[in-house]
Amino acid sequence: MRTLVNAIVLVAGLAMSTGAAAQSVYKCGNNYSQIPCADAVKLSTEDARTAAQKKDSEKAVARDMQAAKTMEKERLVEEKKAQASGKESAKVIEKISAAQAPATTKPAKDEVRKGDAPKKKSTKKVADKTK
C-alpha cells in the first residue's frame, strides 16, 4: 500500500514538473497521435490550471499521503492484535481438545474389540504350478 501511494505521488510530481509543450498531440477521429493525419485537430497540452489550483492540488496530495500513512499504521496495529488473538485462540482450542479427548490405547493386533466381526480364515487354495 505504501509503495503504491509513493508511486502515485512520484508520478504526479513528475507530471507536474515536466512540461509537455515540446510535444504536439493530434486528434484523428477517436485516436490520439503525435503524428497528424489528414483531418487532424491539434490539441493544447499545456496545463490549464492556475498557480492557486496547482498549489491546492499539491496540498491535497500531501493530505492524502498523510491519511494513507495513518491508515497504514492503524491497519498494522489491528493485524498484530488479530494475529496475537488468533494464536491465543488456537492454544485455548488445543487445551480444550486435549482435555476432552479420551485416553485411547491401540488394541493389540489379534485382540477383538466389541462390535468387531470375527475374522475368517482364508480357505483359498493355491493352484498347483507343476502342471
N, C-alpha and C. Protein backbone atom coordinates (compact mmCIF):
# COMPACT_ATOMS: atom_id res chain seq x y z
N MET A 1 0.84 -1.18 0.00
CA MET A 1 0.00 0.00 0.00
C MET A 1 0.88 1.25 0.00
N ARG A 2 1.90 1.23 0.85
CA ARG A 2 2.77 2.39 0.96
C ARG A 2 3.51 2.63 -0.36
N THR A 3 3.97 1.56 -0.99
CA THR A 3 4.69 1.68 -2.25
C THR A 3 3.78 2.26 -3.33
N LEU A 4 2.53 1.82 -3.34
CA LEU A 4 1.58 2.33 -4.33
C LEU A 4 1.36 3.82 -4.15
N VAL A 5 1.17 4.24 -2.92
CA VAL A 5 0.95 5.67 -2.66
C VAL A 5 2.19 6.47 -3.05
N ASN A 6 3.37 5.97 -2.71
CA ASN A 6 4.61 6.66 -3.09
C ASN A 6 4.74 6.76 -4.60
N ALA A 7 4.38 5.69 -5.30
CA ALA A 7 4.46 5.70 -6.76
C ALA A 7 3.51 6.74 -7.36
N ILE A 8 2.31 6.82 -6.80
CA ILE A 8 1.32 7.79 -7.30
C ILE A 8 1.83 9.21 -7.11
N VAL A 9 2.37 9.47 -5.93
CA VAL A 9 2.89 10.82 -5.66
C VAL A 9 4.06 11.13 -6.58
N LEU A 10 4.93 10.15 -6.79
CA LEU A 10 6.09 10.36 -7.67
C LEU A 10 5.64 10.67 -9.09
N VAL A 11 4.70 9.90 -9.60
CA VAL A 11 4.21 10.13 -10.97
C VAL A 11 3.53 11.49 -11.06
N ALA A 12 2.73 11.83 -10.04
CA ALA A 12 2.06 13.14 -10.06
C ALA A 12 3.09 14.27 -10.02
N GLY A 13 4.12 14.10 -9.20
CA GLY A 13 5.16 15.13 -9.12
C GLY A 13 5.92 15.27 -10.42
N LEU A 14 6.26 14.14 -11.03
CA LEU A 14 6.97 14.21 -12.31
C LEU A 14 6.10 14.82 -13.41
N ALA A 15 4.82 14.50 -13.38
CA ALA A 15 3.91 15.05 -14.39
C ALA A 15 3.80 16.57 -14.24
N MET A 16 3.84 17.04 -13.00
CA MET A 16 3.74 18.48 -12.78
C MET A 16 5.04 19.20 -13.15
N SER A 17 6.15 18.53 -12.93
CA SER A 17 7.43 19.20 -13.14
C SER A 17 7.90 19.20 -14.59
N THR A 18 7.44 18.27 -15.38
CA THR A 18 7.87 18.22 -16.78
C THR A 18 6.83 18.90 -17.65
N GLY A 19 7.29 19.64 -18.58
CA GLY A 19 6.37 20.30 -19.50
C GLY A 19 6.12 19.44 -20.72
N ALA A 20 4.91 19.46 -21.20
CA ALA A 20 4.57 18.69 -22.39
C ALA A 20 4.49 19.61 -23.60
N ALA A 21 5.00 20.82 -23.47
CA ALA A 21 4.90 21.80 -24.55
C ALA A 21 5.71 21.40 -25.77
N ALA A 22 6.74 20.61 -25.61
CA ALA A 22 7.59 20.23 -26.73
C ALA A 22 6.89 19.24 -27.66
N GLN A 23 5.85 18.61 -27.19
CA GLN A 23 5.16 17.61 -28.00
C GLN A 23 3.84 18.16 -28.50
N SER A 24 3.53 17.81 -29.72
CA SER A 24 2.22 18.16 -30.28
C SER A 24 1.37 16.91 -30.28
N VAL A 25 0.11 17.08 -29.90
CA VAL A 25 -0.82 15.95 -29.88
C VAL A 25 -1.95 16.28 -30.84
N TYR A 26 -2.27 15.31 -31.68
CA TYR A 26 -3.33 15.48 -32.68
C TYR A 26 -4.43 14.47 -32.42
N LYS A 27 -5.67 14.93 -32.65
CA LYS A 27 -6.81 14.03 -32.54
C LYS A 27 -7.28 13.73 -33.95
N CYS A 28 -7.25 12.43 -34.26
CA CYS A 28 -7.70 11.97 -35.58
C CYS A 28 -8.89 11.06 -35.36
N GLY A 29 -10.09 11.62 -35.42
CA GLY A 29 -11.28 10.82 -35.14
C GLY A 29 -11.31 10.47 -33.66
N ASN A 30 -11.27 9.16 -33.35
CA ASN A 30 -11.26 8.71 -31.96
C ASN A 30 -9.85 8.40 -31.46
N ASN A 31 -8.84 8.62 -32.27
CA ASN A 31 -7.46 8.30 -31.92
C ASN A 31 -6.65 9.56 -31.65
N TYR A 32 -5.68 9.41 -30.75
CA TYR A 32 -4.76 10.49 -30.44
C TYR A 32 -3.37 10.07 -30.89
N SER A 33 -2.62 11.00 -31.47
CA SER A 33 -1.31 10.65 -32.01
C SER A 33 -0.40 11.87 -31.99
N GLN A 34 0.91 11.61 -32.09
CA GLN A 34 1.88 12.69 -32.23
C GLN A 34 2.13 13.00 -33.70
N ILE A 35 1.57 12.17 -34.55
CA ILE A 35 1.70 12.35 -36.00
C ILE A 35 0.34 12.78 -36.54
N PRO A 36 0.27 13.92 -37.22
CA PRO A 36 -1.04 14.38 -37.72
C PRO A 36 -1.55 13.51 -38.87
N CYS A 37 -2.86 13.40 -38.93
CA CYS A 37 -3.49 12.70 -40.05
C CYS A 37 -4.12 13.76 -40.97
N ALA A 38 -4.88 13.33 -41.97
CA ALA A 38 -5.45 14.26 -42.96
C ALA A 38 -6.34 15.32 -42.31
N ASP A 39 -7.28 14.90 -41.47
CA ASP A 39 -8.18 15.88 -40.85
C ASP A 39 -7.91 15.95 -39.34
N ALA A 40 -6.65 16.10 -38.97
CA ALA A 40 -6.24 16.14 -37.56
C ALA A 40 -6.58 17.47 -36.92
N VAL A 41 -6.90 17.40 -35.63
CA VAL A 41 -7.14 18.59 -34.83
C VAL A 41 -6.01 18.66 -33.80
N LYS A 42 -5.27 19.77 -33.80
CA LYS A 42 -4.16 19.91 -32.85
C LYS A 42 -4.74 20.29 -31.48
N LEU A 43 -4.30 19.55 -30.46
CA LEU A 43 -4.81 19.77 -29.11
C LEU A 43 -3.77 20.50 -28.27
N SER A 44 -4.25 21.30 -27.35
CA SER A 44 -3.36 22.01 -26.43
C SER A 44 -3.00 21.06 -25.28
N THR A 45 -1.72 20.93 -25.01
CA THR A 45 -1.26 20.05 -23.93
C THR A 45 -0.75 20.84 -22.73
N GLU A 46 -0.93 22.13 -22.76
CA GLU A 46 -0.49 22.97 -21.65
C GLU A 46 -1.40 22.73 -20.44
N ASP A 47 -0.82 22.85 -19.26
CA ASP A 47 -1.57 22.71 -18.02
C ASP A 47 -2.43 23.96 -17.87
N ALA A 48 -3.72 23.80 -17.90
CA ALA A 48 -4.64 24.94 -17.86
C ALA A 48 -4.93 25.43 -16.45
N ARG A 49 -4.35 24.78 -15.44
CA ARG A 49 -4.62 25.18 -14.06
C ARG A 49 -3.86 26.45 -13.70
N THR A 50 -4.47 27.20 -12.79
CA THR A 50 -3.79 28.39 -12.28
C THR A 50 -2.80 27.96 -11.20
N ALA A 51 -1.96 28.90 -10.78
CA ALA A 51 -0.98 28.60 -9.73
C ALA A 51 -1.69 28.19 -8.43
N ALA A 52 -2.81 28.84 -8.14
CA ALA A 52 -3.58 28.51 -6.93
C ALA A 52 -4.14 27.09 -7.02
N GLN A 53 -4.62 26.71 -8.21
CA GLN A 53 -5.15 25.36 -8.39
C GLN A 53 -4.04 24.31 -8.23
N LYS A 54 -2.87 24.62 -8.75
CA LYS A 54 -1.74 23.69 -8.62
C LYS A 54 -1.36 23.53 -7.15
N LYS A 55 -1.35 24.65 -6.42
CA LYS A 55 -0.99 24.61 -5.00
C LYS A 55 -2.03 23.81 -4.22
N ASP A 56 -3.31 24.02 -4.54
CA ASP A 56 -4.38 23.25 -3.88
C ASP A 56 -4.22 21.76 -4.16
N SER A 57 -3.85 21.44 -5.39
CA SER A 57 -3.65 20.04 -5.77
C SER A 57 -2.50 19.42 -4.98
N GLU A 58 -1.41 20.16 -4.84
CA GLU A 58 -0.26 19.67 -4.07
C GLU A 58 -0.63 19.47 -2.60
N LYS A 59 -1.43 20.38 -2.05
CA LYS A 59 -1.87 20.24 -0.66
C LYS A 59 -2.75 19.00 -0.50
N ALA A 60 -3.62 18.77 -1.48
CA ALA A 60 -4.49 17.60 -1.42
C ALA A 60 -3.68 16.31 -1.47
N VAL A 61 -2.66 16.29 -2.30
CA VAL A 61 -1.79 15.10 -2.39
C VAL A 61 -1.08 14.88 -1.06
N ALA A 62 -0.56 15.93 -0.46
CA ALA A 62 0.13 15.81 0.83
C ALA A 62 -0.83 15.33 1.92
N ARG A 63 -2.05 15.88 1.92
CA ARG A 63 -3.06 15.47 2.89
C ARG A 63 -3.43 14.00 2.71
N ASP A 64 -3.59 13.58 1.45
CA ASP A 64 -3.91 12.18 1.17
C ASP A 64 -2.78 11.25 1.58
N MET A 65 -1.55 11.69 1.38
CA MET A 65 -0.39 10.89 1.79
C MET A 65 -0.38 10.70 3.31
N GLN A 66 -0.65 11.77 4.04
CA GLN A 66 -0.68 11.68 5.50
C GLN A 66 -1.80 10.76 5.95
N ALA A 67 -2.96 10.87 5.33
CA ALA A 67 -4.09 10.00 5.68
C ALA A 67 -3.74 8.54 5.38
N ALA A 68 -3.08 8.30 4.27
CA ALA A 68 -2.69 6.94 3.90
C ALA A 68 -1.70 6.36 4.92
N LYS A 69 -0.75 7.17 5.36
CA LYS A 69 0.22 6.70 6.36
C LYS A 69 -0.47 6.37 7.68
N THR A 70 -1.40 7.22 8.09
CA THR A 70 -2.15 6.99 9.32
C THR A 70 -2.96 5.70 9.22
N MET A 71 -3.64 5.53 8.09
CA MET A 71 -4.44 4.32 7.90
C MET A 71 -3.57 3.07 7.89
N GLU A 72 -2.40 3.17 7.31
CA GLU A 72 -1.49 2.02 7.27
C GLU A 72 -1.05 1.64 8.68
N LYS A 73 -0.70 2.63 9.49
CA LYS A 73 -0.29 2.36 10.87
C LYS A 73 -1.43 1.69 11.64
N GLU A 74 -2.65 2.20 11.48
CA GLU A 74 -3.80 1.61 12.17
C GLU A 74 -4.02 0.17 11.71
N ARG A 75 -3.89 -0.07 10.43
CA ARG A 75 -4.09 -1.43 9.90
C ARG A 75 -3.05 -2.39 10.46
N LEU A 76 -1.79 -1.95 10.52
CA LEU A 76 -0.74 -2.81 11.04
C LEU A 76 -0.98 -3.16 12.51
N VAL A 77 -1.44 -2.19 13.30
CA VAL A 77 -1.75 -2.44 14.71
C VAL A 77 -2.88 -3.46 14.81
N GLU A 78 -3.93 -3.28 14.01
CA GLU A 78 -5.07 -4.20 14.03
C GLU A 78 -4.65 -5.61 13.60
N GLU A 79 -3.78 -5.70 12.60
CA GLU A 79 -3.32 -7.01 12.14
C GLU A 79 -2.52 -7.72 13.23
N LYS A 80 -1.68 -6.97 13.96
CA LYS A 80 -0.91 -7.58 15.05
C LYS A 80 -1.84 -8.08 16.15
N LYS A 81 -2.86 -7.28 16.49
CA LYS A 81 -3.83 -7.71 17.50
C LYS A 81 -4.56 -8.96 17.05
N ALA A 82 -5.00 -8.99 15.81
CA ALA A 82 -5.72 -10.15 15.29
C ALA A 82 -4.83 -11.38 15.26
N GLN A 83 -3.58 -11.20 14.89
CA GLN A 83 -2.65 -12.33 14.84
C GLN A 83 -2.41 -12.88 16.25
N ALA A 84 -2.21 -11.99 17.22
CA ALA A 84 -1.99 -12.43 18.60
C ALA A 84 -3.23 -13.12 19.14
N SER A 85 -4.39 -12.57 18.84
CA SER A 85 -5.65 -13.16 19.28
C SER A 85 -5.85 -14.54 18.65
N GLY A 86 -5.49 -14.66 17.39
CA GLY A 86 -5.62 -15.95 16.70
C GLY A 86 -4.71 -17.01 17.31
N LYS A 87 -3.49 -16.63 17.68
CA LYS A 87 -2.56 -17.58 18.30
C LYS A 87 -3.08 -18.02 19.66
N GLU A 88 -3.60 -17.07 20.44
CA GLU A 88 -4.14 -17.41 21.76
C GLU A 88 -5.36 -18.31 21.62
N SER A 89 -6.21 -18.03 20.65
CA SER A 89 -7.39 -18.85 20.42
C SER A 89 -7.00 -20.27 20.06
N ALA A 90 -5.98 -20.41 19.23
CA ALA A 90 -5.52 -21.75 18.83
C ALA A 90 -5.00 -22.52 20.04
N LYS A 91 -4.29 -21.84 20.95
CA LYS A 91 -3.78 -22.50 22.16
C LYS A 91 -4.93 -22.96 23.05
N VAL A 92 -5.95 -22.12 23.21
CA VAL A 92 -7.11 -22.47 24.03
C VAL A 92 -7.83 -23.67 23.43
N ILE A 93 -8.01 -23.68 22.13
CA ILE A 93 -8.69 -24.79 21.46
C ILE A 93 -7.90 -26.08 21.65
N GLU A 94 -6.58 -26.01 21.54
CA GLU A 94 -5.74 -27.21 21.74
C GLU A 94 -5.90 -27.73 23.16
N LYS A 95 -5.91 -26.84 24.16
CA LYS A 95 -6.06 -27.27 25.55
C LYS A 95 -7.42 -27.92 25.78
N ILE A 96 -8.47 -27.31 25.24
CA ILE A 96 -9.81 -27.87 25.41
C ILE A 96 -9.90 -29.22 24.73
N SER A 97 -9.38 -29.33 23.54
CA SER A 97 -9.41 -30.60 22.80
C SER A 97 -8.65 -31.68 23.55
N ALA A 98 -7.50 -31.33 24.10
CA ALA A 98 -6.70 -32.31 24.84
C ALA A 98 -7.42 -32.75 26.11
N ALA A 99 -8.12 -31.83 26.77
CA ALA A 99 -8.82 -32.17 28.00
C ALA A 99 -10.05 -33.03 27.72
N GLN A 100 -10.70 -32.82 26.60
CA GLN A 100 -11.92 -33.56 26.28
C GLN A 100 -11.64 -34.90 25.61
N ALA A 101 -10.51 -35.06 25.01
CA ALA A 101 -10.20 -36.29 24.28
C ALA A 101 -9.96 -37.42 25.27
N PRO A 102 -10.65 -38.56 25.08
CA PRO A 102 -10.42 -39.69 25.99
C PRO A 102 -9.05 -40.30 25.72
N ALA A 103 -8.49 -40.86 26.79
CA ALA A 103 -7.20 -41.54 26.63
C ALA A 103 -7.46 -42.84 25.88
N THR A 104 -6.85 -42.99 24.76
CA THR A 104 -7.07 -44.20 23.95
C THR A 104 -5.79 -44.99 23.88
N THR A 105 -5.98 -46.30 23.86
CA THR A 105 -4.84 -47.18 23.64
C THR A 105 -5.14 -47.99 22.41
N LYS A 106 -4.15 -48.28 21.69
CA LYS A 106 -4.30 -49.03 20.45
C LYS A 106 -4.48 -50.51 20.81
N PRO A 107 -5.53 -51.16 20.28
CA PRO A 107 -5.72 -52.58 20.60
C PRO A 107 -4.61 -53.43 19.99
N ALA A 108 -4.36 -54.55 20.65
CA ALA A 108 -3.36 -55.48 20.13
C ALA A 108 -3.82 -55.97 18.77
N LYS A 109 -2.88 -56.46 17.98
CA LYS A 109 -3.18 -56.87 16.61
C LYS A 109 -4.24 -57.97 16.56
N ASP A 110 -4.15 -58.93 17.46
CA ASP A 110 -5.09 -60.06 17.43
C ASP A 110 -6.29 -59.84 18.33
N GLU A 111 -6.30 -58.76 19.08
CA GLU A 111 -7.39 -58.52 20.01
C GLU A 111 -8.67 -58.17 19.27
N VAL A 112 -9.77 -58.76 19.70
CA VAL A 112 -11.06 -58.48 19.08
C VAL A 112 -11.74 -57.43 19.94
N ARG A 113 -12.18 -56.36 19.30
CA ARG A 113 -12.88 -55.30 20.02
C ARG A 113 -14.37 -55.54 19.95
N LYS A 114 -15.09 -54.94 20.87
CA LYS A 114 -16.53 -55.07 20.91
C LYS A 114 -17.11 -54.51 19.61
N GLY A 115 -17.98 -55.27 18.98
CA GLY A 115 -18.59 -54.85 17.73
C GLY A 115 -17.85 -55.32 16.50
N ASP A 116 -16.65 -55.86 16.65
CA ASP A 116 -15.90 -56.37 15.50
C ASP A 116 -16.47 -57.72 15.09
N ALA A 117 -16.50 -57.95 13.81
CA ALA A 117 -16.90 -59.26 13.30
C ALA A 117 -15.72 -60.20 13.47
N PRO A 118 -15.99 -61.47 13.77
CA PRO A 118 -14.87 -62.41 13.91
C PRO A 118 -14.14 -62.56 12.59
N LYS A 119 -12.84 -62.74 12.68
CA LYS A 119 -12.03 -62.90 11.48
C LYS A 119 -12.21 -64.29 10.92
N LYS A 120 -12.33 -64.37 9.61
CA LYS A 120 -12.46 -65.66 8.94
C LYS A 120 -11.11 -66.05 8.39
N LYS A 121 -10.84 -67.35 8.48
CA LYS A 121 -9.60 -67.85 7.92
C LYS A 121 -9.79 -68.04 6.43
N SER A 122 -8.78 -67.77 5.69
CA SER A 122 -8.84 -67.90 4.24
C SER A 122 -8.89 -69.36 3.86
N THR A 123 -9.86 -69.72 2.99
CA THR A 123 -9.98 -71.11 2.52
C THR A 123 -9.53 -71.22 1.09
N LYS A 124 -8.92 -70.21 0.60
CA LYS A 124 -8.46 -70.19 -0.78
C LYS A 124 -7.29 -71.15 -0.94
N LYS A 125 -7.37 -71.99 -1.95
CA LYS A 125 -6.30 -72.96 -2.20
C LYS A 125 -5.36 -72.40 -3.24
N VAL A 126 -4.11 -72.70 -3.07
CA VAL A 126 -3.10 -72.26 -4.01
C VAL A 126 -3.07 -73.25 -5.16
N ALA A 127 -3.09 -72.76 -6.38
CA ALA A 127 -3.09 -73.64 -7.56
C ALA A 127 -1.74 -74.33 -7.68
N ASP A 128 -1.80 -75.53 -8.18
CA ASP A 128 -0.58 -76.32 -8.36
C ASP A 128 0.12 -75.82 -9.61
N LYS A 129 1.34 -75.37 -9.49
CA LYS A 129 2.07 -74.80 -10.61
C LYS A 129 2.93 -75.82 -11.33
N THR A 130 2.92 -77.05 -10.91
CA THR A 130 3.78 -78.06 -11.53
C THR A 130 3.18 -78.63 -12.79
N LYS A 131 1.97 -78.38 -13.08
CA LYS A 131 1.33 -78.94 -14.27
C LYS A 131 1.78 -78.33 -15.53
